[in-house]
């Protein structure tokens, strides 16, 4: 096994290399300047080469020191990310929740005031986005994800099944009910994102129809834009029920065709296991679990 220098020495080197200052490293680690110099010399003796050029008023990394600093920084970042999987956030009054923009805009934001009323002691940060969450670097406490539930290294809890329905603005079809045969003759707007492509094909197959390309008058690649276009009366669309349920109930949108099908993906609560043990996440999980439709 490869012999390793002390972890403390590598940590001191990390801060000194990052700031190019022994004094800054001492302040960051709450140790003396002399202790920093001792750790750096010990690491240099272990490695057999100089890490810094000591100048009158500054230090500079040697070529070897510069190369090593990249490995050390990456190593500590990975270690911190791993530790974060088992250590809850130390800030009990701030709750950060990451989710898709569509779910944030169309489902979560209209309802979040109910959670705030129950927990006025918490500051809530809703973080819409498509990128993967860095629970350590971003400080995120919980992610609500739309997928198949396979998130390696994280605890995953099923939240809500999703279904797809056909909706439109009332002005598009008036009071008449339409049949599957009518669909090919109506203006369509579709979501071309990866999570809807397979469902769009399955939808046509389930009804035994083939909607021609000329019938598709508008396409988007994000569900919030899709719902906005439907509200504007731009066409009929196959959408996630969770995003339009309130608008169907209020009459802003209608379901001109009595049809629904299971979506390819569903909603999950995702976080390191330790996050689920914090009071703030437990409170949010309890609230949102009681707000989604019972399966």
C-alpha atoms as a PDB file:
ATOM      1  CA  UNK A   1       0.000   0.000   0.000  1.00  0.00           C
ATOM      2  CA  UNK A   2       1.250   3.462  -0.889  1.00  0.00           C
ATOM      3  CA  UNK A   3       2.494   5.346   2.186  1.00  0.00           C
ATOM      4  CA  UNK A   4       0.537   8.540   2.805  1.00  0.00           C
ATOM      5  CA  UNK A   5       1.489  11.812   4.499  1.00  0.00           C
ATOM      6  CA  UNK A   6      -0.602  13.126   7.378  1.00  0.00           C
ATOM      7  CA  UNK A   7      -4.103  14.296   6.534  1.00  0.00           C
ATOM      8  CA  UNK A   8      -3.518  17.428   8.591  1.00  0.00           C
ATOM      9  CA  UNK A   9      -0.432  18.271   6.578  1.00  0.00           C
ATOM     10  CA  UNK A  10      -2.390  17.896   3.334  1.00  0.00           C
ATOM     11  CA  UNK A  11      -5.159  20.078   4.733  1.00  0.00           C
ATOM     12  CA  UNK A  12      -2.685  22.826   5.634  1.00  0.00           C
ATOM     13  CA  UNK A  13      -1.140  22.566   2.183  1.00  0.00           C
ATOM     14  CA  UNK A  14      -4.597  22.822   0.595  1.00  0.00           C
ATOM     15  CA  UNK A  15      -5.328  26.174   2.249  1.00  0.00           C
ATOM     16  CA  UNK A  16      -1.826  27.544   1.747  1.00  0.00           C
ATOM     17  CA  UNK A  17      -1.884  26.589  -1.949  1.00  0.00           C
ATOM     18  CA  UNK A  18      -5.366  27.997  -2.437  1.00  0.00           C
ATOM     19  CA  UNK A  19      -4.516  31.377  -0.913  1.00  0.00           C
ATOM     20  CA  UNK A  20      -0.768  31.399  -1.682  1.00  0.00           C
ATOM     21  CA  UNK A  21      -0.350  32.564   1.893  1.00  0.00           C
ATOM     22  CA  UNK A  22       0.800  30.769   5.013  1.00  0.00           C
ATOM     23  CA  UNK A  23      -0.861  33.474   7.105  1.00  0.00           C
ATOM     24  CA  UNK A  24      -4.240  32.977   5.401  1.00  0.00           C
ATOM     25  CA  UNK A  25      -3.952  29.215   5.932  1.00  0.00           C
ATOM     26  CA  UNK A  26      -3.201  29.781   9.618  1.00  0.00           C
ATOM     27  CA  UNK A  27      -6.253  32.016  10.008  1.00  0.00           C
ATOM     28  CA  UNK A  28      -8.548  29.614   8.153  1.00  0.00           C
ATOM     29  CA  UNK A  29      -7.444  26.656  10.279  1.00  0.00           C
ATOM     30  CA  UNK A  30      -7.080  28.614  13.524  1.00  0.00           C
ATOM     31  CA  UNK A  31      -3.458  27.619  14.046  1.00  0.00           C
ATOM     32  CA  UNK A  32      -0.235  29.622  14.261  1.00  0.00           C
ATOM     33  CA  UNK A  33       1.927  30.669  11.325  1.00  0.00           C
ATOM     34  CA  UNK A  34       4.708  28.556  12.793  1.00  0.00           C
ATOM     35  CA  UNK A  35       2.429  25.493  12.808  1.00  0.00           C
ATOM     36  CA  UNK A  36       1.654  26.036   9.123  1.00  0.00           C
ATOM     37  CA  UNK A  37       5.365  26.194   8.295  1.00  0.00           C
ATOM     38  CA  UNK A  38       6.000  23.030  10.309  1.00  0.00           C
ATOM     39  CA  UNK A  39       3.253  21.098   8.508  1.00  0.00           C
ATOM     40  CA  UNK A  40       4.461  22.266   5.087  1.00  0.00           C
ATOM     41  CA  UNK A  41       8.082  21.325   5.854  1.00  0.00           C
ATOM     42  CA  UNK A  42       6.945  17.918   7.103  1.00  0.00           C
ATOM     43  CA  UNK A  43       5.004  17.331   3.882  1.00  0.00           C
ATOM     44  CA  UNK A  44       7.953  18.442   1.774  1.00  0.00           C
ATOM     45  CA  UNK A  45      10.279  16.092   3.694  1.00  0.00           C
ATOM     46  CA  UNK A  46       7.846  13.231   3.164  1.00  0.00           C
ATOM     47  CA  UNK A  47       7.567  13.889  -0.577  1.00  0.00           C
ATOM     48  CA  UNK A  48      11.200  14.738  -1.145  1.00  0.00           C
ATOM     49  CA  UNK A  49      10.674  18.017  -3.004  1.00  0.00           C
ATOM     50  CA  UNK A  50       9.738  21.637  -2.335  1.00  0.00           C
ATOM     51  CA  UNK A  51       6.129  22.686  -2.619  1.00  0.00           C
ATOM     52  CA  UNK A  52       6.627  26.443  -2.288  1.00  0.00           C
ATOM     53  CA  UNK A  53       9.196  29.042  -3.184  1.00  0.00           C
ATOM     54  CA  UNK A  54       9.586  31.238  -0.087  1.00  0.00           C
ATOM     55  CA  UNK A  55      10.009  34.840  -1.192  1.00  0.00           C
ATOM     56  CA  UNK A  56      10.366  37.950   0.958  1.00  0.00           C
ATOM     57  CA  UNK A  57       6.694  38.885   1.173  1.00  0.00           C
ATOM     58  CA  UNK A  58       4.949  35.953  -0.489  1.00  0.00           C
ATOM     59  CA  UNK A  59       5.103  32.299  -1.381  1.00  0.00           C
ATOM     60  CA  UNK A  60       4.671  30.716  -4.805  1.00  0.00           C
ATOM     61  CA  UNK A  61       3.916  27.134  -5.710  1.00  0.00           C
ATOM     62  CA  UNK A  62       6.659  25.184  -7.391  1.00  0.00           C
ATOM     63  CA  UNK A  63       5.720  23.189 -10.479  1.00  0.00           C
ATOM     64  CA  UNK A  64       5.439  20.068  -8.310  1.00  0.00           C
ATOM     65  CA  UNK A  65       3.382  21.964  -5.728  1.00  0.00           C
ATOM     66  CA  UNK A  66       1.030  23.234  -8.402  1.00  0.00           C
ATOM     67  CA  UNK A  67       0.448  19.732  -9.741  1.00  0.00           C
ATOM     68  CA  UNK A  68      -0.106  18.302  -6.269  1.00  0.00           C
ATOM     69  CA  UNK A  69      -2.545  21.058  -5.272  1.00  0.00           C
ATOM     70  CA  UNK A  70      -5.012  19.935  -7.947  1.00  0.00           C
ATOM     71  CA  UNK A  71      -5.063  16.375  -6.614  1.00  0.00           C
ATOM     72  CA  UNK A  72      -5.328  17.539  -2.997  1.00  0.00           C
ATOM     73  CA  UNK A  73      -8.202  19.926  -3.741  1.00  0.00           C
ATOM     74  CA  UNK A  74     -10.112  17.254  -5.655  1.00  0.00           C
ATOM     75  CA  UNK A  75      -9.490  14.728  -2.908  1.00  0.00           C
ATOM     76  CA  UNK A  76     -10.785  16.983  -0.144  1.00  0.00           C
ATOM     77  CA  UNK A  77     -13.828  17.978  -2.188  1.00  0.00           C
ATOM     78  CA  UNK A  78     -14.716  14.328  -2.711  1.00  0.00           C
ATOM     79  CA  UNK A  79     -14.188  13.618   0.974  1.00  0.00           C
ATOM     80  CA  UNK A  80     -16.414  16.535   1.966  1.00  0.00           C
ATOM     81  CA  UNK A  81     -19.072  15.405  -0.497  1.00  0.00           C
ATOM     82  CA  UNK A  82     -18.992  11.907   0.951  1.00  0.00           C
ATOM     83  CA  UNK A  83     -19.183  13.116   4.553  1.00  0.00           C
ATOM     84  CA  UNK A  84     -22.162  15.290   3.599  1.00  0.00           C
ATOM     85  CA  UNK A  85     -24.097  12.122   2.751  1.00  0.00           C
ATOM     86  CA  UNK A  86     -24.045  11.174   6.431  1.00  0.00           C
ATOM     87  CA  UNK A  87     -24.099  14.552   8.169  1.00  0.00           C
ATOM     88  CA  UNK A  88     -27.259  16.674   8.380  1.00  0.00           C
ATOM     89  CA  UNK A  89     -27.203  20.398   7.654  1.00  0.00           C
ATOM     90  CA  UNK A  90     -26.257  22.370  10.739  1.00  0.00           C
ATOM     91  CA  UNK A  91     -28.630  25.238   9.861  1.00  0.00           C
ATOM     92  CA  UNK A  92     -31.967  24.170  11.369  1.00  0.00           C
ATOM     93  CA  UNK A  93     -33.914  27.320  10.408  1.00  0.00           C
ATOM     94  CA  UNK A  94     -33.246  27.361   6.662  1.00  0.00           C
ATOM     95  CA  UNK A  95     -34.786  24.767   4.357  1.00  0.00           C
ATOM     96  CA  UNK A  96     -33.582  24.512   0.747  1.00  0.00           C
ATOM     97  CA  UNK A  97     -35.652  22.435  -1.661  1.00  0.00           C
ATOM     98  CA  UNK A  98     -34.584  21.729  -5.248  1.00  0.00           C
ATOM     99  CA  UNK A  99     -37.040  20.673  -7.921  1.00  0.00           C
ATOM    100  CA  UNK A 100     -37.949  21.034 -11.591  1.00  0.00           C
ATOM    101  CA  UNK A 101     -39.168  24.502 -12.656  1.00  0.00           C
ATOM    102  CA  UNK A 102     -42.490  23.060 -13.856  1.00  0.00           C
ATOM    103  CA  UNK A 103     -43.247  21.382 -10.531  1.00  0.00           C
ATOM    104  CA  UNK A 104     -42.086  24.445  -8.600  1.00  0.00           C
ATOM    105  CA  UNK A 105     -44.201  26.856 -10.640  1.00  0.00           C
ATOM    106  CA  UNK A 106     -47.341  24.802 -11.159  1.00  0.00           C
ATOM    107  CA  UNK A 107     -47.610  22.663  -8.039  1.00  0.00           C
ATOM    108  CA  UNK A 108     -45.332  23.704  -5.197  1.00  0.00           C
ATOM    109  CA  UNK A 109     -45.406  27.511  -5.210  1.00  0.00           C
ATOM    110  CA  UNK A 110     -49.218  27.814  -5.120  1.00  0.00           C
ATOM    111  CA  UNK A 111     -49.283  25.577  -2.040  1.00  0.00           C
ATOM    112  CA  UNK A 112     -46.095  26.479  -0.144  1.00  0.00           C
ATOM    113  CA  UNK A 113     -47.835  29.174   1.937  1.00  0.00           C
ATOM    114  CA  UNK A 114     -49.710  26.375   3.714  1.00  0.00           C
ATOM    115  CA  UNK A 115     -46.403  24.915   4.879  1.00  0.00           C
ATOM    116  CA  UNK A 116     -45.115  28.353   5.884  1.00  0.00           C
ATOM    117  CA  UNK A 117     -48.187  28.964   8.012  1.00  0.00           C
ATOM    118  CA  UNK A 118     -47.562  25.705   9.862  1.00  0.00           C
ATOM    119  CA  UNK A 119     -43.822  26.399  10.247  1.00  0.00           C
ATOM    120  CA  UNK A 120     -43.249  30.153  10.495  1.00  0.00           C
ATOM    121  CA  UNK A 121     -39.885  29.501  12.154  1.00  0.00           C
ATOM    122  CA  UNK A 122     -38.433  28.218   8.871  1.00  0.00           C
ATOM    123  CA  UNK A 123     -37.074  30.227   5.960  1.00  0.00           C
ATOM    124  CA  UNK A 124     -37.906  28.327   2.761  1.00  0.00           C
ATOM    125  CA  UNK A 125     -35.764  28.500  -0.372  1.00  0.00           C
ATOM    126  CA  UNK A 126     -37.252  26.876  -3.480  1.00  0.00           C
ATOM    127  CA  UNK A 127     -34.497  26.218  -6.032  1.00  0.00           C
ATOM    128  CA  UNK A 128     -35.891  25.382  -9.505  1.00  0.00           C
ATOM    129  CA  UNK A 129     -33.438  23.776 -11.890  1.00  0.00           C
ATOM    130  CA  UNK A 130     -32.610  20.872 -14.168  1.00  0.00           C
ATOM    131  CA  UNK A 131     -29.051  20.092 -13.037  1.00  0.00           C
ATOM    132  CA  UNK A 132     -28.102  17.434 -10.520  1.00  0.00           C
ATOM    133  CA  UNK A 133     -27.912  18.645  -6.942  1.00  0.00           C
ATOM    134  CA  UNK A 134     -24.671  18.874  -4.988  1.00  0.00           C
ATOM    135  CA  UNK A 135     -26.071  18.430  -1.480  1.00  0.00           C
ATOM    136  CA  UNK A 136     -22.757  19.469   0.062  1.00  0.00           C
ATOM    137  CA  UNK A 137     -21.777  22.385  -2.153  1.00  0.00           C
ATOM    138  CA  UNK A 138     -25.256  23.800  -2.822  1.00  0.00           C
ATOM    139  CA  UNK A 139     -26.506  23.376   0.718  1.00  0.00           C
ATOM    140  CA  UNK A 140     -29.686  21.707  -0.591  1.00  0.00           C
ATOM    141  CA  UNK A 141     -31.651  19.793   2.032  1.00  0.00           C
ATOM    142  CA  UNK A 142     -34.096  17.926  -0.184  1.00  0.00           C
ATOM    143  CA  UNK A 143     -34.718  17.386  -3.898  1.00  0.00           C
ATOM    144  CA  UNK A 144     -38.046  16.576  -5.531  1.00  0.00           C
ATOM    145  CA  UNK A 145     -37.215  14.684  -8.675  1.00  0.00           C
ATOM    146  CA  UNK A 146     -39.253  13.443 -11.629  1.00  0.00           C
ATOM    147  CA  UNK A 147     -37.818  10.154 -12.819  1.00  0.00           C
ATOM    148  CA  UNK A 148     -37.633   6.437 -12.193  1.00  0.00           C
ATOM    149  CA  UNK A 149     -36.379   6.635  -8.629  1.00  0.00           C
ATOM    150  CA  UNK A 150     -32.847   5.374  -9.255  1.00  0.00           C
ATOM    151  CA  UNK A 151     -30.522   7.853  -7.524  1.00  0.00           C
ATOM    152  CA  UNK A 152     -27.419   5.920  -6.379  1.00  0.00           C
ATOM    153  CA  UNK A 153     -25.911   6.910  -3.056  1.00  0.00           C
ATOM    154  CA  UNK A 154     -29.026   8.790  -1.935  1.00  0.00           C
ATOM    155  CA  UNK A 155     -32.152   7.827  -0.038  1.00  0.00           C
ATOM    156  CA  UNK A 156     -35.169   7.885  -2.333  1.00  0.00           C
ATOM    157  CA  UNK A 157     -38.781   8.004  -1.184  1.00  0.00           C
ATOM    158  CA  UNK A 158     -41.727   7.706  -3.532  1.00  0.00           C
ATOM    159  CA  UNK A 159     -43.884  10.847  -3.433  1.00  0.00           C
ATOM    160  CA  UNK A 160     -46.533  10.739  -6.142  1.00  0.00           C
ATOM    161  CA  UNK A 161     -47.492   8.837  -9.275  1.00  0.00           C
ATOM    162  CA  UNK A 162     -48.002  10.945 -12.371  1.00  0.00           C
ATOM    163  CA  UNK A 163     -50.572  10.513 -15.113  1.00  0.00           C
ATOM    164  CA  UNK A 164     -51.060  12.231 -18.455  1.00  0.00           C
ATOM    165  CA  UNK A 165     -54.296  13.800 -19.655  1.00  0.00           C
ATOM    166  CA  UNK A 166     -55.501  15.702 -22.712  1.00  0.00           C
ATOM    167  CA  UNK A 167     -56.341  19.346 -21.983  1.00  0.00           C
ATOM    168  CA  UNK A 168     -57.114  22.573 -23.800  1.00  0.00           C
ATOM    169  CA  UNK A 169     -58.561  26.040 -23.272  1.00  0.00           C
ATOM    170  CA  UNK A 170     -62.401  26.005 -23.248  1.00  0.00           C
ATOM    171  CA  UNK A 171     -62.499  28.323 -26.257  1.00  0.00           C
ATOM    172  CA  UNK A 172     -60.763  25.748 -28.459  1.00  0.00           C
ATOM    173  CA  UNK A 173     -63.629  23.250 -28.608  1.00  0.00           C
ATOM    174  CA  UNK A 174     -66.540  25.054 -26.991  1.00  0.00           C
ATOM    175  CA  UNK A 175     -69.028  22.802 -25.237  1.00  0.00           C
ATOM    176  CA  UNK A 176     -68.678  19.839 -27.550  1.00  0.00           C
ATOM    177  CA  UNK A 177     -67.049  16.605 -26.527  1.00  0.00           C
ATOM    178  CA  UNK A 178     -64.550  15.255 -28.997  1.00  0.00           C
ATOM    179  CA  UNK A 179     -63.646  11.718 -29.969  1.00  0.00           C
ATOM    180  CA  UNK A 180     -60.289  10.126 -30.682  1.00  0.00           C
ATOM    181  CA  UNK A 181     -61.022  10.477 -34.403  1.00  0.00           C
ATOM    182  CA  UNK A 182     -61.249  14.267 -34.006  1.00  0.00           C
ATOM    183  CA  UNK A 183     -57.750  14.616 -32.563  1.00  0.00           C
ATOM    184  CA  UNK A 184     -55.894  14.503 -35.874  1.00  0.00           C
ATOM    185  CA  UNK A 185     -57.843  17.570 -37.026  1.00  0.00           C
ATOM    186  CA  UNK A 186     -57.137  19.800 -34.024  1.00  0.00           C
ATOM    187  CA  UNK A 187     -54.112  22.085 -33.490  1.00  0.00           C
ATOM    188  CA  UNK A 188     -51.629  20.357 -31.183  1.00  0.00           C
ATOM    189  CA  UNK A 189     -48.849  21.658 -29.014  1.00  0.00           C
ATOM    190  CA  UNK A 190     -46.435  19.110 -27.661  1.00  0.00           C
ATOM    191  CA  UNK A 191     -43.660  18.825 -25.115  1.00  0.00           C
ATOM    192  CA  UNK A 192     -40.598  17.409 -26.879  1.00  0.00           C
ATOM    193  CA  UNK A 193     -38.531  16.939 -23.724  1.00  0.00           C
ATOM    194  CA  UNK A 194     -36.996  13.511 -23.184  1.00  0.00           C
ATOM    195  CA  UNK A 195     -39.467  12.564 -20.456  1.00  0.00           C
ATOM    196  CA  UNK A 196     -42.454  13.006 -22.824  1.00  0.00           C
ATOM    197  CA  UNK A 197     -41.213  11.599 -26.144  1.00  0.00           C
ATOM    198  CA  UNK A 198     -42.076   7.988 -25.366  1.00  0.00           C
ATOM    199  CA  UNK A 199     -45.413   8.975 -23.821  1.00  0.00           C
ATOM    200  CA  UNK A 200     -46.451  10.924 -26.924  1.00  0.00           C
ATOM    201  CA  UNK A 201     -45.984   7.803 -29.053  1.00  0.00           C
ATOM    202  CA  UNK A 202     -47.723   5.580 -26.487  1.00  0.00           C
ATOM    203  CA  UNK A 203     -50.645   7.999 -26.342  1.00  0.00           C
ATOM    204  CA  UNK A 204     -51.289   7.700 -30.084  1.00  0.00           C
ATOM    205  CA  UNK A 205     -50.868   3.939 -29.939  1.00  0.00           C
ATOM    206  CA  UNK A 206     -53.328   3.632 -27.038  1.00  0.00           C
ATOM    207  CA  UNK A 207     -56.034   5.504 -28.969  1.00  0.00           C
ATOM    208  CA  UNK A 208     -55.216   3.878 -32.291  1.00  0.00           C
ATOM    209  CA  UNK A 209     -54.584   7.205 -34.014  1.00  0.00           C
ATOM    210  CA  UNK A 210     -51.752   8.864 -35.905  1.00  0.00           C
ATOM    211  CA  UNK A 211     -51.535  12.617 -35.439  1.00  0.00           C
ATOM    212  CA  UNK A 212     -49.852  14.029 -38.562  1.00  0.00           C
ATOM    213  CA  UNK A 213     -46.957  16.463 -38.321  1.00  0.00           C
ATOM    214  CA  UNK A 214     -48.980  19.365 -39.818  1.00  0.00           C
ATOM    215  CA  UNK A 215     -51.356  19.125 -36.842  1.00  0.00           C
ATOM    216  CA  UNK A 216     -48.516  19.993 -34.449  1.00  0.00           C
ATOM    217  CA  UNK A 217     -48.623  23.794 -34.493  1.00  0.00           C
ATOM    218  CA  UNK A 218     -46.230  24.422 -31.606  1.00  0.00           C
ATOM    219  CA  UNK A 219     -43.613  22.422 -29.712  1.00  0.00           C
ATOM    220  CA  UNK A 220     -41.682  23.245 -26.546  1.00  0.00           C
ATOM    221  CA  UNK A 221     -39.127  21.378 -24.468  1.00  0.00           C
ATOM    222  CA  UNK A 222     -40.248  22.389 -20.989  1.00  0.00           C
ATOM    223  CA  UNK A 223     -43.531  21.643 -19.217  1.00  0.00           C
ATOM    224  CA  UNK A 224     -44.143  25.133 -17.780  1.00  0.00           C
ATOM    225  CA  UNK A 225     -43.999  26.644 -21.268  1.00  0.00           C
ATOM    226  CA  UNK A 226     -46.331  23.908 -22.455  1.00  0.00           C
ATOM    227  CA  UNK A 227     -48.948  24.804 -19.828  1.00  0.00           C
ATOM    228  CA  UNK A 228     -48.642  28.521 -20.597  1.00  0.00           C
ATOM    229  CA  UNK A 229     -49.285  27.820 -24.280  1.00  0.00           C
ATOM    230  CA  UNK A 230     -52.348  25.721 -23.445  1.00  0.00           C
ATOM    231  CA  UNK A 231     -53.689  28.526 -21.237  1.00  0.00           C
ATOM    232  CA  UNK A 232     -53.211  30.940 -24.139  1.00  0.00           C
ATOM    233  CA  UNK A 233     -55.443  28.771 -26.323  1.00  0.00           C
ATOM    234  CA  UNK A 234     -52.658  27.772 -28.714  1.00  0.00           C
ATOM    235  CA  UNK A 235     -53.780  24.179 -28.984  1.00  0.00           C
ATOM    236  CA  UNK A 236     -54.693  20.883 -27.376  1.00  0.00           C
ATOM    237  CA  UNK A 237     -51.997  19.041 -25.452  1.00  0.00           C
ATOM    238  CA  UNK A 238     -51.026  15.914 -23.552  1.00  0.00           C
ATOM    239  CA  UNK A 239     -49.809  17.140 -20.162  1.00  0.00           C
ATOM    240  CA  UNK A 240     -48.921  15.990 -16.675  1.00  0.00           C
ATOM    241  CA  UNK A 241     -52.059  16.029 -14.534  1.00  0.00           C
ATOM    242  CA  UNK A 242     -50.214  17.369 -11.476  1.00  0.00           C
ATOM    243  CA  UNK A 243     -49.368  20.580 -13.355  1.00  0.00           C
ATOM    244  CA  UNK A 244     -52.925  21.376 -14.446  1.00  0.00           C
ATOM    245  CA  UNK A 245     -55.150  19.840 -11.741  1.00  0.00           C
ATOM    246  CA  UNK A 246     -55.913  23.208 -10.097  1.00  0.00           C
ATOM    247  CA  UNK A 247     -56.715  24.801 -13.473  1.00  0.00           C
ATOM    248  CA  UNK A 248     -59.042  21.951 -14.382  1.00  0.00           C
ATOM    249  CA  UNK A 249     -60.828  22.329 -11.074  1.00  0.00           C
ATOM    250  CA  UNK A 250     -61.259  26.092 -11.546  1.00  0.00           C
ATOM    251  CA  UNK A 251     -62.384  25.753 -15.172  1.00  0.00           C
ATOM    252  CA  UNK A 252     -59.421  27.590 -16.698  1.00  0.00           C
ATOM    253  CA  UNK A 253     -58.720  24.423 -18.678  1.00  0.00           C
ATOM    254  CA  UNK A 254     -60.909  21.485 -19.662  1.00  0.00           C
ATOM    255  CA  UNK A 255     -60.440  17.833 -20.564  1.00  0.00           C
ATOM    256  CA  UNK A 256     -62.242  17.516 -23.905  1.00  0.00           C
ATOM    257  CA  UNK A 257     -61.432  13.815 -24.105  1.00  0.00           C
ATOM    258  CA  UNK A 258     -62.017  11.314 -21.310  1.00  0.00           C
ATOM    259  CA  UNK A 259     -58.556   9.785 -21.410  1.00  0.00           C
ATOM    260  CA  UNK A 260     -55.629   9.300 -19.039  1.00  0.00           C
ATOM    261  CA  UNK A 261     -52.539   7.128 -19.007  1.00  0.00           C
ATOM    262  CA  UNK A 262     -49.679   6.516 -16.562  1.00  0.00           C
ATOM    263  CA  UNK A 263     -46.661   8.731 -17.163  1.00  0.00           C
ATOM    264  CA  UNK A 264     -43.285   7.176 -17.823  1.00  0.00           C
ATOM    265  CA  UNK A 265     -41.812   8.896 -14.749  1.00  0.00           C
ATOM    266  CA  UNK A 266     -43.053   9.729 -11.243  1.00  0.00           C
ATOM    267  CA  UNK A 267     -42.098  12.047  -8.367  1.00  0.00           C
ATOM    268  CA  UNK A 268     -39.595  11.152  -5.640  1.00  0.00           C
ATOM    269  CA  UNK A 269     -38.114  12.812  -2.584  1.00  0.00           C
ATOM    270  CA  UNK A 270     -34.335  12.480  -2.746  1.00  0.00           C
ATOM    271  CA  UNK A 271     -31.564  13.368  -0.285  1.00  0.00           C
ATOM    272  CA  UNK A 272     -28.722  11.860   1.741  1.00  0.00           C
ATOM    273  CA  UNK A 273     -30.168   9.714   4.502  1.00  0.00           C
ATOM    274  CA  UNK A 274     -28.945  12.102   7.192  1.00  0.00           C
ATOM    275  CA  UNK A 275     -30.984  14.953   5.714  1.00  0.00           C
ATOM    276  CA  UNK A 276     -34.200  12.998   6.212  1.00  0.00           C
ATOM    277  CA  UNK A 277     -33.430  12.851   9.941  1.00  0.00           C
ATOM    278  CA  UNK A 278     -33.411  16.644  10.413  1.00  0.00           C
ATOM    279  CA  UNK A 279     -36.519  18.237  11.933  1.00  0.00           C
ATOM    280  CA  UNK A 280     -36.978  20.698   9.056  1.00  0.00           C
ATOM    281  CA  UNK A 281     -36.899  18.000   6.353  1.00  0.00           C
ATOM    282  CA  UNK A 282     -39.121  15.700   8.387  1.00  0.00           C
ATOM    283  CA  UNK A 283     -41.655  18.531   8.712  1.00  0.00           C
ATOM    284  CA  UNK A 284     -41.603  19.234   4.978  1.00  0.00           C
ATOM    285  CA  UNK A 285     -41.832  15.556   4.025  1.00  0.00           C
ATOM    286  CA  UNK A 286     -44.820  15.108   6.341  1.00  0.00           C
ATOM    287  CA  UNK A 287     -46.575  18.147   4.873  1.00  0.00           C
ATOM    288  CA  UNK A 288     -46.013  17.396   1.189  1.00  0.00           C
ATOM    289  CA  UNK A 289     -46.830  13.711   1.611  1.00  0.00           C
ATOM    290  CA  UNK A 290     -50.259  14.726   2.932  1.00  0.00           C
ATOM    291  CA  UNK A 291     -50.813  17.192   0.084  1.00  0.00           C
ATOM    292  CA  UNK A 292     -50.317  14.794  -2.837  1.00  0.00           C
ATOM    293  CA  UNK A 293     -53.174  12.559  -4.047  1.00  0.00           C
ATOM    294  CA  UNK A 294     -53.515   9.271  -2.200  1.00  0.00           C
ATOM    295  CA  UNK A 295     -52.413   6.317  -4.304  1.00  0.00           C
END
